[in-house]
Amino acid sequence: MVNKIGVLAGGMVIGMLILVGCEPLYQRLTETKDDCMKKMSKVKTKAETSLADVKQKVTLKTDNTLDSMDEKIDDLIKYVDNIDISKLKGKSKMLLMDMKQKLMTLKQK
C-alpha cells in the first residue's frame, strides 16, 4: 500500500514539474498568438484603407473623364449648330443632320 502511495505521489510530483516546465512555453505561445493577431489586424486595416483609397481615386478619375466627355460633346454640338445647313445639299445635309442627332443622343446618355 505504501508503495502505491509513493508511486501516486511521485506521479503527482512529476506531473507538477511538467506543468511548471511547460508554463513558460505556453506563455510564449499565447504572446506569439496575440502578437500575430495584432499584426493581422493592422494588415487588414491597411488593406481596407488602401482599397478605399483606390475606390476613391477611380471614382474621381471616372467622374472627371465623364465631365470631360460631356464638355467635348457640348463643344461638338455647338460647332455643328454653327454650320449653316442652308448652304448644304443632298447627302452632305443628311449626314450633318444625322451627326447632330447622334450627338444629341450621346448627350442624353
PDB file of N, CA and C in Angstrom:
ATOM      1  N   MET A   1       0.815  -1.186   0.000  1.00  0.00           N
ATOM      2  CA  MET A   1       0.000   0.000   0.000  1.00  0.00           C
ATOM      3  C   MET A   1       0.862   1.253   0.000  1.00  0.00           C
ATOM      4  N   VAL A   2       1.899   1.226   0.823  1.00  0.00           N
ATOM      5  CA  VAL A   2       2.812   2.363   0.895  1.00  0.00           C
ATOM      6  C   VAL A   2       3.473   2.570  -0.454  1.00  0.00           C
ATOM      7  N   ASN A   3       3.751   1.473  -1.121  1.00  0.00           N
ATOM      8  CA  ASN A   3       4.390   1.539  -2.422  1.00  0.00           C
ATOM      9  C   ASN A   3       3.486   2.250  -3.432  1.00  0.00           C
ATOM     10  N   LYS A   4       2.191   1.956  -3.407  1.00  0.00           N
ATOM     11  CA  LYS A   4       1.242   2.591  -4.322  1.00  0.00           C
ATOM     12  C   LYS A   4       1.124   4.084  -4.031  1.00  0.00           C
ATOM     13  N   ILE A   5       1.131   4.449  -2.755  1.00  0.00           N
ATOM     14  CA  ILE A   5       1.055   5.863  -2.380  1.00  0.00           C
ATOM     15  C   ILE A   5       2.303   6.584  -2.861  1.00  0.00           C
ATOM     16  N   GLY A   6       3.435   5.942  -2.747  1.00  0.00           N
ATOM     17  CA  GLY A   6       4.689   6.535  -3.223  1.00  0.00           C
ATOM     18  C   GLY A   6       4.671   6.750  -4.723  1.00  0.00           C
ATOM     19  N   VAL A   7       4.133   5.780  -5.451  1.00  0.00           N
ATOM     20  CA  VAL A   7       4.036   5.907  -6.914  1.00  0.00           C
ATOM     21  C   VAL A   7       3.089   7.042  -7.270  1.00  0.00           C
ATOM     22  N   LEU A   8       1.950   7.126  -6.580  1.00  0.00           N
ATOM     23  CA  LEU A   8       0.993   8.214  -6.834  1.00  0.00           C
ATOM     24  C   LEU A   8       1.605   9.574  -6.515  1.00  0.00           C
ATOM     25  N   ALA A   9       2.291   9.659  -5.387  1.00  0.00           N
ATOM     26  CA  ALA A   9       2.921  10.923  -5.000  1.00  0.00           C
ATOM     27  C   ALA A   9       3.999  11.294  -6.001  1.00  0.00           C
ATOM     28  N   GLY A  10       4.770  10.306  -6.418  1.00  0.00           N
ATOM     29  CA  GLY A  10       5.813  10.560  -7.418  1.00  0.00           C
ATOM     30  C   GLY A  10       5.214  11.009  -8.738  1.00  0.00           C
ATOM     31  N   GLY A  11       4.111  10.378  -9.131  1.00  0.00           N
ATOM     32  CA  GLY A  11       3.422  10.766 -10.366  1.00  0.00           C
ATOM     33  C   GLY A  11       2.892  12.182 -10.291  1.00  0.00           C
ATOM     34  N   MET A  12       2.372  12.545  -9.126  1.00  0.00           N
ATOM     35  CA  MET A  12       1.859  13.911  -8.951  1.00  0.00           C
ATOM     36  C   MET A  12       2.994  14.920  -9.012  1.00  0.00           C
ATOM     37  N   VAL A  13       4.124  14.582  -8.403  1.00  0.00           N
ATOM     38  CA  VAL A  13       5.276  15.491  -8.425  1.00  0.00           C
ATOM     39  C   VAL A  13       5.775  15.656  -9.853  1.00  0.00           C
ATOM     40  N   ILE A  14       5.890  14.564 -10.573  1.00  0.00           N
ATOM     41  CA  ILE A  14       6.346  14.635 -11.971  1.00  0.00           C
ATOM     42  C   ILE A  14       5.344  15.442 -12.805  1.00  0.00           C
ATOM     43  N   GLY A  15       4.059  15.214 -12.590  1.00  0.00           N
ATOM     44  CA  GLY A  15       3.028  15.984 -13.305  1.00  0.00           C
ATOM     45  C   GLY A  15       3.129  17.468 -13.018  1.00  0.00           C
ATOM     46  N   MET A  16       3.354  17.821 -11.766  1.00  0.00           N
ATOM     47  CA  MET A  16       3.502  19.234 -11.394  1.00  0.00           C
ATOM     48  C   MET A  16       4.745  19.832 -12.042  1.00  0.00           C
ATOM     49  N   LEU A  17       5.841  19.062 -12.062  1.00  0.00           N
ATOM     50  CA  LEU A  17       7.074  19.548 -12.697  1.00  0.00           C
ATOM     51  C   LEU A  17       6.860  19.791 -14.189  1.00  0.00           C
ATOM     52  N   ILE A  18       6.131  18.885 -14.824  1.00  0.00           N
ATOM     53  CA  ILE A  18       5.844  19.060 -16.254  1.00  0.00           C
ATOM     54  C   ILE A  18       5.001  20.311 -16.470  1.00  0.00           C
ATOM     55  N   LEU A  19       3.977  20.499 -15.640  1.00  0.00           N
ATOM     56  CA  LEU A  19       3.135  21.700 -15.763  1.00  0.00           C
ATOM     57  C   LEU A  19       3.943  22.969 -15.549  1.00  0.00           C
ATOM     58  N   VAL A  20       4.784  22.972 -14.521  1.00  0.00           N
ATOM     59  CA  VAL A  20       5.614  24.147 -14.233  1.00  0.00           C
ATOM     60  C   VAL A  20       6.602  24.380 -15.370  1.00  0.00           C
ATOM     61  N   GLY A  21       7.162  23.303 -15.911  1.00  0.00           N
ATOM     62  CA  GLY A  21       8.113  23.430 -17.018  1.00  0.00           C
ATOM     63  C   GLY A  21       7.451  23.908 -18.300  1.00  0.00           C
ATOM     64  N   CYS A  22       6.218  23.545 -18.519  1.00  0.00           N
ATOM     65  CA  CYS A  22       5.507  23.924 -19.749  1.00  0.00           C
ATOM     66  C   CYS A  22       4.889  25.319 -19.670  1.00  0.00           C
ATOM     67  N   GLU A  23       4.766  25.868 -18.492  1.00  0.00           N
ATOM     68  CA  GLU A  23       4.125  27.183 -18.321  1.00  0.00           C
ATOM     69  C   GLU A  23       4.807  28.270 -19.154  1.00  0.00           C
ATOM     70  N   PRO A  24       6.155  28.400 -19.123  1.00  0.00           N
ATOM     71  CA  PRO A  24       6.783  29.442 -19.950  1.00  0.00           C
ATOM     72  C   PRO A  24       6.530  29.223 -21.443  1.00  0.00           C
ATOM     73  N   LEU A  25       6.552  27.973 -21.878  1.00  0.00           N
ATOM     74  CA  LEU A  25       6.284  27.674 -23.284  1.00  0.00           C
ATOM     75  C   LEU A  25       4.859  28.082 -23.653  1.00  0.00           C
ATOM     76  N   TYR A  26       3.904  27.753 -22.803  1.00  0.00           N
ATOM     77  CA  TYR A  26       2.511  28.132 -23.032  1.00  0.00           C
ATOM     78  C   TYR A  26       2.370  29.657 -23.070  1.00  0.00           C
ATOM     79  N   GLN A  27       3.068  30.324 -22.152  1.00  0.00           N
ATOM     80  CA  GLN A  27       3.006  31.789 -22.093  1.00  0.00           C
ATOM     81  C   GLN A  27       3.560  32.394 -23.389  1.00  0.00           C
ATOM     82  N   ARG A  28       4.689  31.871 -23.886  1.00  0.00           N
ATOM     83  CA  ARG A  28       5.278  32.387 -25.132  1.00  0.00           C
ATOM     84  C   ARG A  28       4.352  32.134 -26.313  1.00  0.00           C
ATOM     85  N   LEU A  29       3.738  30.964 -26.348  1.00  0.00           N
ATOM     86  CA  LEU A  29       2.799  30.667 -27.433  1.00  0.00           C
ATOM     87  C   LEU A  29       1.608  31.624 -27.408  1.00  0.00           C
ATOM     88  N   THR A  30       1.113  31.909 -26.225  1.00  0.00           N
ATOM     89  CA  THR A  30      -0.009  32.841 -26.084  1.00  0.00           C
ATOM     90  C   THR A  30       0.400  34.237 -26.545  1.00  0.00           C
ATOM     91  N   GLU A  31       1.595  34.684 -26.134  1.00  0.00           N
ATOM     92  CA  GLU A  31       2.079  36.010 -26.542  1.00  0.00           C
ATOM     93  C   GLU A  31       2.291  36.061 -28.055  1.00  0.00           C
ATOM     94  N   THR A  32       2.855  34.991 -28.618  1.00  0.00           N
ATOM     95  CA  THR A  32       3.076  34.940 -30.063  1.00  0.00           C
ATOM     96  C   THR A  32       1.749  35.005 -30.810  1.00  0.00           C
ATOM     97  N   LYS A  33       0.764  34.275 -30.326  1.00  0.00           N
ATOM     98  CA  LYS A  33      -0.567  34.298 -30.946  1.00  0.00           C
ATOM     99  C   LYS A  33      -1.163  35.699 -30.871  1.00  0.00           C
ATOM    100  N   ASP A  34      -1.047  36.343 -29.710  1.00  0.00           N
ATOM    101  CA  ASP A  34      -1.579  37.699 -29.545  1.00  0.00           C
ATOM    102  C   ASP A  34      -0.877  38.676 -30.478  1.00  0.00           C
ATOM    103  N   ASP A  35       0.458  38.572 -30.576  1.00  0.00           N
ATOM    104  CA  ASP A  35       1.213  39.441 -31.486  1.00  0.00           C
ATOM    105  C   ASP A  35       0.790  39.214 -32.936  1.00  0.00           C
ATOM    106  N   CYS A  36       0.618  37.970 -33.283  1.00  0.00           N
ATOM    107  CA  CYS A  36       0.196  37.626 -34.643  1.00  0.00           C
ATOM    108  C   CYS A  36      -1.187  38.214 -34.945  1.00  0.00           C
ATOM    109  N   MET A  37      -2.091  38.116 -34.008  1.00  0.00           N
ATOM    110  CA  MET A  37      -3.438  38.665 -34.199  1.00  0.00           C
ATOM    111  C   MET A  37      -3.397  40.187 -34.341  1.00  0.00           C
ATOM    112  N   LYS A  38      -2.541  40.852 -33.559  1.00  0.00           N
ATOM    113  CA  LYS A  38      -2.407  42.310 -33.668  1.00  0.00           C
ATOM    114  C   LYS A  38      -1.870  42.693 -35.042  1.00  0.00           C
ATOM    115  N   LYS A  39      -0.843  41.962 -35.508  1.00  0.00           N
ATOM    116  CA  LYS A  39      -0.262  42.256 -36.819  1.00  0.00           C
ATOM    117  C   LYS A  39      -1.276  42.014 -37.928  1.00  0.00           C
ATOM    118  N   MET A  40      -2.041  40.946 -37.825  1.00  0.00           N
ATOM    119  CA  MET A  40      -3.065  40.665 -38.830  1.00  0.00           C
ATOM    120  C   MET A  40      -4.130  41.760 -38.845  1.00  0.00           C
ATOM    121  N   SER A  41      -4.469  42.266 -37.682  1.00  0.00           N
ATOM    122  CA  SER A  41      -5.445  43.348 -37.598  1.00  0.00           C
ATOM    123  C   SER A  41      -4.912  44.603 -38.285  1.00  0.00           C
ATOM    124  N   LYS A  42      -3.624  44.900 -38.065  1.00  0.00           N
ATOM    125  CA  LYS A  42      -3.010  46.066 -38.712  1.00  0.00           C
ATOM    126  C   LYS A  42      -2.983  45.897 -40.226  1.00  0.00           C
ATOM    127  N   VAL A  43      -2.615  44.696 -40.684  1.00  0.00           N
ATOM    128  CA  VAL A  43      -2.570  44.430 -42.122  1.00  0.00           C
ATOM    129  C   VAL A  43      -3.966  44.571 -42.731  1.00  0.00           C
ATOM    130  N   LYS A  44      -4.966  44.053 -42.044  1.00  0.00           N
ATOM    131  CA  LYS A  44      -6.345  44.147 -42.531  1.00  0.00           C
ATOM    132  C   LYS A  44      -6.775  45.608 -42.631  1.00  0.00           C
ATOM    133  N   THR A  45      -6.441  46.392 -41.617  1.00  0.00           N
ATOM    134  CA  THR A  45      -6.797  47.814 -41.623  1.00  0.00           C
ATOM    135  C   THR A  45      -6.112  48.536 -42.782  1.00  0.00           C
ATOM    136  N   LYS A  46      -4.823  48.244 -42.994  1.00  0.00           N
ATOM    137  CA  LYS A  46      -4.098  48.872 -44.106  1.00  0.00           C
ATOM    138  C   LYS A  46      -4.704  48.476 -45.444  1.00  0.00           C
ATOM    139  N   ALA A  47      -5.057  47.207 -45.587  1.00  0.00           N
ATOM    140  CA  ALA A  47      -5.655  46.744 -46.842  1.00  0.00           C
ATOM    141  C   ALA A  47      -6.996  47.429 -47.089  1.00  0.00           C
ATOM    142  N   GLU A  48      -7.804  47.556 -46.052  1.00  0.00           N
ATOM    143  CA  GLU A  48      -9.104  48.221 -46.203  1.00  0.00           C
ATOM    144  C   GLU A  48      -8.919  49.691 -46.555  1.00  0.00           C
ATOM    145  N   THR A  49      -7.933  50.340 -45.925  1.00  0.00           N
ATOM    146  CA  THR A  49      -7.652  51.746 -46.220  1.00  0.00           C
ATOM    147  C   THR A  49      -7.179  51.898 -47.659  1.00  0.00           C
ATOM    148  N   SER A  50      -6.280  51.006 -48.090  1.00  0.00           N
ATOM    149  CA  SER A  50      -5.782  51.064 -49.466  1.00  0.00           C
ATOM    150  C   SER A  50      -6.911  50.853 -50.461  1.00  0.00           C
ATOM    151  N   LEU A  51      -7.784  49.914 -50.182  1.00  0.00           N
ATOM    152  CA  LEU A  51      -8.913  49.657 -51.070  1.00  0.00           C
ATOM    153  C   LEU A  51      -9.828  50.878 -51.148  1.00  0.00           C
ATOM    154  N   ALA A  52     -10.072  51.510 -50.026  1.00  0.00           N
ATOM    155  CA  ALA A  52     -10.908  52.720 -50.012  1.00  0.00           C
ATOM    156  C   ALA A  52     -10.253  53.832 -50.823  1.00  0.00           C
ATOM    157  N   ASP A  53      -8.924  53.975 -50.698  1.00  0.00           N
ATOM    158  CA  ASP A  53      -8.200  54.985 -51.475  1.00  0.00           C
ATOM    159  C   ASP A  53      -8.308  54.713 -52.973  1.00  0.00           C
ATOM    160  N   VAL A  54      -8.145  53.453 -53.356  1.00  0.00           N
ATOM    161  CA  VAL A  54      -8.237  53.086 -54.773  1.00  0.00           C
ATOM    162  C   VAL A  54      -9.638  53.373 -55.299  1.00  0.00           C
ATOM    163  N   LYS A  55     -10.658  52.998 -54.532  1.00  0.00           N
ATOM    164  CA  LYS A  55     -12.043  53.262 -54.954  1.00  0.00           C
ATOM    165  C   LYS A  55     -12.278  54.754 -55.143  1.00  0.00           C
ATOM    166  N   GLN A  56     -11.762  55.553 -54.211  1.00  0.00           N
ATOM    167  CA  GLN A  56     -11.954  56.999 -54.288  1.00  0.00           C
ATOM    168  C   GLN A  56     -11.256  57.568 -55.524  1.00  0.00           C
ATOM    169  N   LYS A  57     -10.028  57.118 -55.788  1.00  0.00           N
ATOM    170  CA  LYS A  57      -9.288  57.621 -56.949  1.00  0.00           C
ATOM    171  C   LYS A  57      -9.955  57.214 -58.256  1.00  0.00           C
ATOM    172  N   VAL A  58     -10.419  55.968 -58.330  1.00  0.00           N
ATOM    173  CA  VAL A  58     -11.087  55.503 -59.547  1.00  0.00           C
ATOM    174  C   VAL A  58     -12.378  56.286 -59.768  1.00  0.00           C
ATOM    175  N   THR A  59     -13.129  56.510 -58.710  1.00  0.00           N
ATOM    176  CA  THR A  59     -14.372  57.272 -58.824  1.00  0.00           C
ATOM    177  C   THR A  59     -14.093  58.695 -59.299  1.00  0.00           C
ATOM    178  N   LEU A  60     -13.072  59.320 -58.729  1.00  0.00           N
ATOM    179  CA  LEU A  60     -12.718  60.686 -59.117  1.00  0.00           C
ATOM    180  C   LEU A  60     -12.301  60.745 -60.585  1.00  0.00           C
ATOM    181  N   LYS A  61     -11.443  59.808 -61.004  1.00  0.00           N
ATOM    182  CA  LYS A  61     -10.993  59.813 -62.403  1.00  0.00           C
ATOM    183  C   LYS A  61     -12.150  59.529 -63.352  1.00  0.00           C
ATOM    184  N   THR A  62     -13.034  58.630 -62.965  1.00  0.00           N
ATOM    185  CA  THR A  62     -14.198  58.327 -63.802  1.00  0.00           C
ATOM    186  C   THR A  62     -15.093  59.555 -63.928  1.00  0.00           C
ATOM    187  N   ASP A  63     -15.340  60.223 -62.816  1.00  0.00           N
ATOM    188  CA  ASP A  63     -16.163  61.438 -62.847  1.00  0.00           C
ATOM    189  C   ASP A  63     -15.526  62.509 -63.722  1.00  0.00           C
ATOM    190  N   ASN A  64     -14.212  62.692 -63.581  1.00  0.00           N
ATOM    191  CA  ASN A  64     -13.505  63.693 -64.387  1.00  0.00           C
ATOM    192  C   ASN A  64     -13.577  63.349 -65.871  1.00  0.00           C
ATOM    193  N   THR A  65     -13.413  62.069 -66.199  1.00  0.00           N
ATOM    194  CA  THR A  65     -13.477  61.640 -67.596  1.00  0.00           C
ATOM    195  C   THR A  65     -14.869  61.873 -68.164  1.00  0.00           C
ATOM    196  N   LEU A  66     -15.892  61.530 -67.397  1.00  0.00           N
ATOM    197  CA  LEU A  66     -17.263  61.747 -67.870  1.00  0.00           C
ATOM    198  C   LEU A  66     -17.557  63.231 -68.061  1.00  0.00           C
ATOM    199  N   ASP A  67     -17.081  64.060 -67.137  1.00  0.00           N
ATOM    200  CA  ASP A  67     -17.265  65.506 -67.284  1.00  0.00           C
ATOM    201  C   ASP A  67     -16.567  66.014 -68.537  1.00  0.00           C
ATOM    202  N   SER A  68     -15.357  65.532 -68.770  1.00  0.00           N
ATOM    203  CA  SER A  68     -14.597  65.940 -69.948  1.00  0.00           C
ATOM    204  C   SER A  68     -15.318  65.511 -71.228  1.00  0.00           C
ATOM    205  N   MET A  69     -15.859  64.299 -71.225  1.00  0.00           N
ATOM    206  CA  MET A  69     -16.601  63.827 -72.398  1.00  0.00           C
ATOM    207  C   MET A  69     -17.833  64.688 -72.639  1.00  0.00           C
ATOM    208  N   ASP A  70     -18.540  65.027 -71.580  1.00  0.00           N
ATOM    209  CA  ASP A  70     -19.725  65.886 -71.720  1.00  0.00           C
ATOM    210  C   ASP A  70     -19.350  67.238 -72.319  1.00  0.00           C
ATOM    211  N   GLU A  71     -18.231  67.794 -71.847  1.00  0.00           N
ATOM    212  CA  GLU A  71     -17.781  69.083 -72.381  1.00  0.00           C
ATOM    213  C   GLU A  71     -17.446  68.967 -73.866  1.00  0.00           C
ATOM    214  N   LYS A  72     -16.782  67.891 -74.259  1.00  0.00           N
ATOM    215  CA  LYS A  72     -16.417  67.709 -75.668  1.00  0.00           C
ATOM    216  C   LYS A  72     -17.655  67.517 -76.537  1.00  0.00           C
ATOM    217  N   ILE A  73     -18.629  66.779 -76.024  1.00  0.00           N
ATOM    218  CA  ILE A  73     -19.877  66.595 -76.777  1.00  0.00           C
ATOM    219  C   ILE A  73     -20.590  67.935 -76.929  1.00  0.00           C
ATOM    220  N   ASP A  74     -20.622  68.731 -75.864  1.00  0.00           N
ATOM    221  CA  ASP A  74     -21.237  70.065 -75.940  1.00  0.00           C
ATOM    222  C   ASP A  74     -20.522  70.935 -76.967  1.00  0.00           C
ATOM    223  N   ASP A  75     -19.184  70.876 -76.979  1.00  0.00           N
ATOM    224  CA  ASP A  75     -18.415  71.650 -77.964  1.00  0.00           C
ATOM    225  C   ASP A  75     -18.748  71.210 -79.390  1.00  0.00           C
ATOM    226  N   LEU A  76     -18.860  69.907 -79.605  1.00  0.00           N
ATOM    227  CA  LEU A  76     -19.210  69.406 -80.939  1.00  0.00           C
ATOM    228  C   LEU A  76     -20.609  69.855 -81.352  1.00  0.00           C
ATOM    229  N   ILE A  77     -21.540  69.809 -80.412  1.00  0.00           N
ATOM    230  CA  ILE A  77     -22.912  70.245 -80.716  1.00  0.00           C
ATOM    231  C   ILE A  77     -22.918  71.723 -81.104  1.00  0.00           C
ATOM    232  N   LYS A  78     -22.190  72.546 -80.359  1.00  0.00           N
ATOM    233  CA  LYS A  78     -22.114  73.978 -80.690  1.00  0.00           C
ATOM    234  C   LYS A  78     -21.508  74.182 -82.073  1.00  0.00           C
ATOM    235  N   TYR A  79     -20.455  73.409 -82.368  1.00  0.00           N
ATOM    236  CA  TYR A  79     -19.802  73.539 -83.668  1.00  0.00           C
ATOM    237  C   TYR A  79     -20.762  73.155 -84.794  1.00  0.00           C
ATOM    238  N   VAL A  80     -21.459  72.034 -84.620  1.00  0.00           N
ATOM    239  CA  VAL A  80     -22.401  71.577 -85.653  1.00  0.00           C
ATOM    240  C   VAL A  80     -23.564  72.554 -85.781  1.00  0.00           C
ATOM    241  N   ASP A  81     -24.015  73.117 -84.653  1.00  0.00           N
ATOM    242  CA  ASP A  81     -25.113  74.092 -84.698  1.00  0.00           C
ATOM    243  C   ASP A  81     -24.716  75.355 -85.454  1.00  0.00           C
ATOM    244  N   ASN A  82     -23.437  75.687 -85.422  1.00  0.00           N
ATOM    245  CA  ASN A  82     -22.970  76.902 -86.097  1.00  0.00           C
ATOM    246  C   ASN A  82     -22.802  76.720 -87.606  1.00  0.00           C
ATOM    247  N   ILE A  83     -22.869  75.493 -88.071  1.00  0.00           N
ATOM    248  CA  ILE A  83     -22.756  75.260 -89.520  1.00  0.00           C
ATOM    249  C   ILE A  83     -24.082  75.652 -90.170  1.00  0.00           C
ATOM    250  N   ASP A  84     -23.984  76.410 -91.252  1.00  0.00           N
ATOM    251  CA  ASP A  84     -25.179  76.868 -91.973  1.00  0.00           C
ATOM    252  C   ASP A  84     -25.680  75.737 -92.874  1.00  0.00           C
ATOM    253  N   ILE A  85     -26.763  75.097 -92.440  1.00  0.00           N
ATOM    254  CA  ILE A  85     -27.306  73.941 -93.161  1.00  0.00           C
ATOM    255  C   ILE A  85     -27.885  74.356 -94.513  1.00  0.00           C
ATOM    256  N   SER A  86     -28.326  75.606 -94.635  1.00  0.00           N
ATOM    257  CA  SER A  86     -28.964  76.047 -95.883  1.00  0.00           C
ATOM    258  C   SER A  86     -27.989  76.008 -97.062  1.00  0.00           C
ATOM    259  N   LYS A  87     -26.695  76.062 -96.782  1.00  0.00           N
ATOM    260  CA  LYS A  87     -25.708  76.021 -97.863  1.00  0.00           C
ATOM    261  C   LYS A  87     -25.395  74.587 -98.299  1.00  0.00           C
ATOM    262  N   LEU A  88     -25.845  73.613 -97.513  1.00  0.00           N
ATOM    263  CA  LEU A  88     -25.569  72.214 -97.835  1.00  0.00           C
ATOM    264  C   LEU A  88     -26.726  71.617 -98.621  1.00  0.00           C
ATOM    265  N   LYS A  89     -26.394  70.625 -99.442  1.00  0.00           N
ATOM    266  CA  LYS A  89     -27.425  69.977-100.251  1.00  0.00           C
ATOM    267  C   LYS A  89     -27.228  68.470-100.214  1.00  0.00           C
ATOM    268  N   GLY A  90     -28.284  67.754-100.468  1.00  0.00           N
ATOM    269  CA  GLY A  90     -28.249  66.306-100.654  1.00  0.00           C
ATOM    270  C   GLY A  90     -27.661  65.523 -99.494  1.00  0.00           C
ATOM    271  N   LYS A  91     -26.664  64.684 -99.851  1.00  0.00           N
ATOM    272  CA  LYS A  91     -26.100  63.755 -98.882  1.00  0.00           C
ATOM    273  C   LYS A  91     -25.374  64.482 -97.752  1.00  0.00           C
ATOM    274  N   SER A  92     -24.702  65.581 -98.051  1.00  0.00           N
ATOM    275  CA  SER A  92     -23.988  66.340 -97.017  1.00  0.00           C
ATOM    276  C   SER A  92     -24.954  66.852 -95.961  1.00  0.00           C
ATOM    277  N   LYS A  93     -26.095  67.352 -96.409  1.00  0.00           N
ATOM    278  CA  LYS A  93     -27.101  67.863 -95.481  1.00  0.00           C
ATOM    279  C   LYS A  93     -27.640  66.722 -94.611  1.00  0.00           C
ATOM    280  N   MET A  94     -27.892  65.561 -95.215  1.00  0.00           N
ATOM    281  CA  MET A  94     -28.404  64.413 -94.464  1.00  0.00           C
ATOM    282  C   MET A  94     -27.370  63.923 -93.448  1.00  0.00           C
ATOM    283  N   LEU A  95     -26.098  63.893 -93.850  1.00  0.00           N
ATOM    284  CA  LEU A  95     -25.044  63.451 -92.932  1.00  0.00           C
ATOM    285  C   LEU A  95     -24.912  64.398 -91.743  1.00  0.00           C
ATOM    286  N   LEU A  96     -24.998  65.693 -92.007  1.00  0.00           N
ATOM    287  CA  LEU A  96     -24.900  66.669 -90.928  1.00  0.00           C
ATOM    288  C   LEU A  96     -26.082  66.540 -89.968  1.00  0.00           C
ATOM    289  N   MET A  97     -27.275  66.361 -90.507  1.00  0.00           N
ATOM    290  CA  MET A  97     -28.455  66.189 -89.659  1.00  0.00           C
ATOM    291  C   MET A  97     -28.328  64.902 -88.825  1.00  0.00           C
ATOM    292  N   ASP A  98     -27.805  63.844 -89.453  1.00  0.00           N
ATOM    293  CA  ASP A  98     -27.610  62.574 -88.752  1.00  0.00           C
ATOM    294  C   ASP A  98     -26.576  62.732 -87.630  1.00  0.00           C
ATOM    295  N   MET A  99     -25.504  63.468 -87.923  1.00  0.00           N
ATOM    296  CA  MET A  99     -24.469  63.701 -86.907  1.00  0.00           C
ATOM    297  C   MET A  99     -25.046  64.478 -85.732  1.00  0.00           C
ATOM    298  N   LYS A 100     -25.853  65.475 -86.034  1.00  0.00           N
ATOM    299  CA  LYS A 100     -26.495  66.263 -84.983  1.00  0.00           C
ATOM    300  C   LYS A 100     -27.355  65.373 -84.081  1.00  0.00           C
ATOM    301  N   GLN A 101     -28.117  64.490 -84.710  1.00  0.00           N
ATOM    302  CA  GLN A 101     -28.994  63.587 -83.962  1.00  0.00           C
ATOM    303  C   GLN A 101     -28.181  62.644 -83.072  1.00  0.00           C
ATOM    304  N   LYS A 102     -27.082  62.119 -83.611  1.00  0.00           N
ATOM    305  CA  LYS A 102     -26.237  61.214 -82.827  1.00  0.00           C
ATOM    306  C   LYS A 102     -25.587  61.937 -81.650  1.00  0.00           C
ATOM    307  N   LEU A 103     -25.178  63.171 -81.864  1.00  0.00           N
ATOM    308  CA  LEU A 103     -24.590  63.954 -80.770  1.00  0.00           C
ATOM    309  C   LEU A 103     -25.616  64.218 -79.673  1.00  0.00           C
ATOM    310  N   MET A 104     -26.829  64.522 -80.068  1.00  0.00           N
ATOM    311  CA  MET A 104     -27.885  64.757 -79.077  1.00  0.00           C
ATOM    312  C   MET A 104     -28.175  63.475 -78.290  1.00  0.00           C
ATOM    313  N   THR A 105     -28.146  62.337 -78.988  1.00  0.00           N
ATOM    314  CA  THR A 105     -28.358  61.048 -78.316  1.00  0.00           C
ATOM    315  C   THR A 105     -27.240  60.785 -77.312  1.00  0.00           C
ATOM    316  N   LEU A 106     -25.993  61.077 -77.712  1.00  0.00           N
ATOM    317  CA  LEU A 106     -24.855  60.909 -76.797  1.00  0.00           C
ATOM    318  C   LEU A 106     -24.999  61.790 -75.567  1.00  0.00           C
ATOM    319  N   LYS A 107     -25.451  63.004 -75.782  1.00  0.00           N
ATOM    320  CA  LYS A 107     -25.585  63.935 -74.659  1.00  0.00           C
ATOM    321  C   LYS A 107     -26.636  63.454 -73.659  1.00  0.00           C
ATOM    322  N   GLN A 108     -27.688  62.838 -74.156  1.00  0.00           N
ATOM    323  CA  GLN A 108     -28.760  62.366 -73.279  1.00  0.00           C
ATOM    324  C   GLN A 108     -28.327  61.184 -72.428  1.00  0.00           C
ATOM    325  N   LYS A 109     -27.333  60.419 -72.871  1.00  0.00           N
ATOM    326  CA  LYS A 109     -26.883  59.237 -72.116  1.00  0.00           C
ATOM    327  C   LYS A 109     -26.087  59.624 -70.961  1.00  0.00           C
TER     328      LYS A 109
END
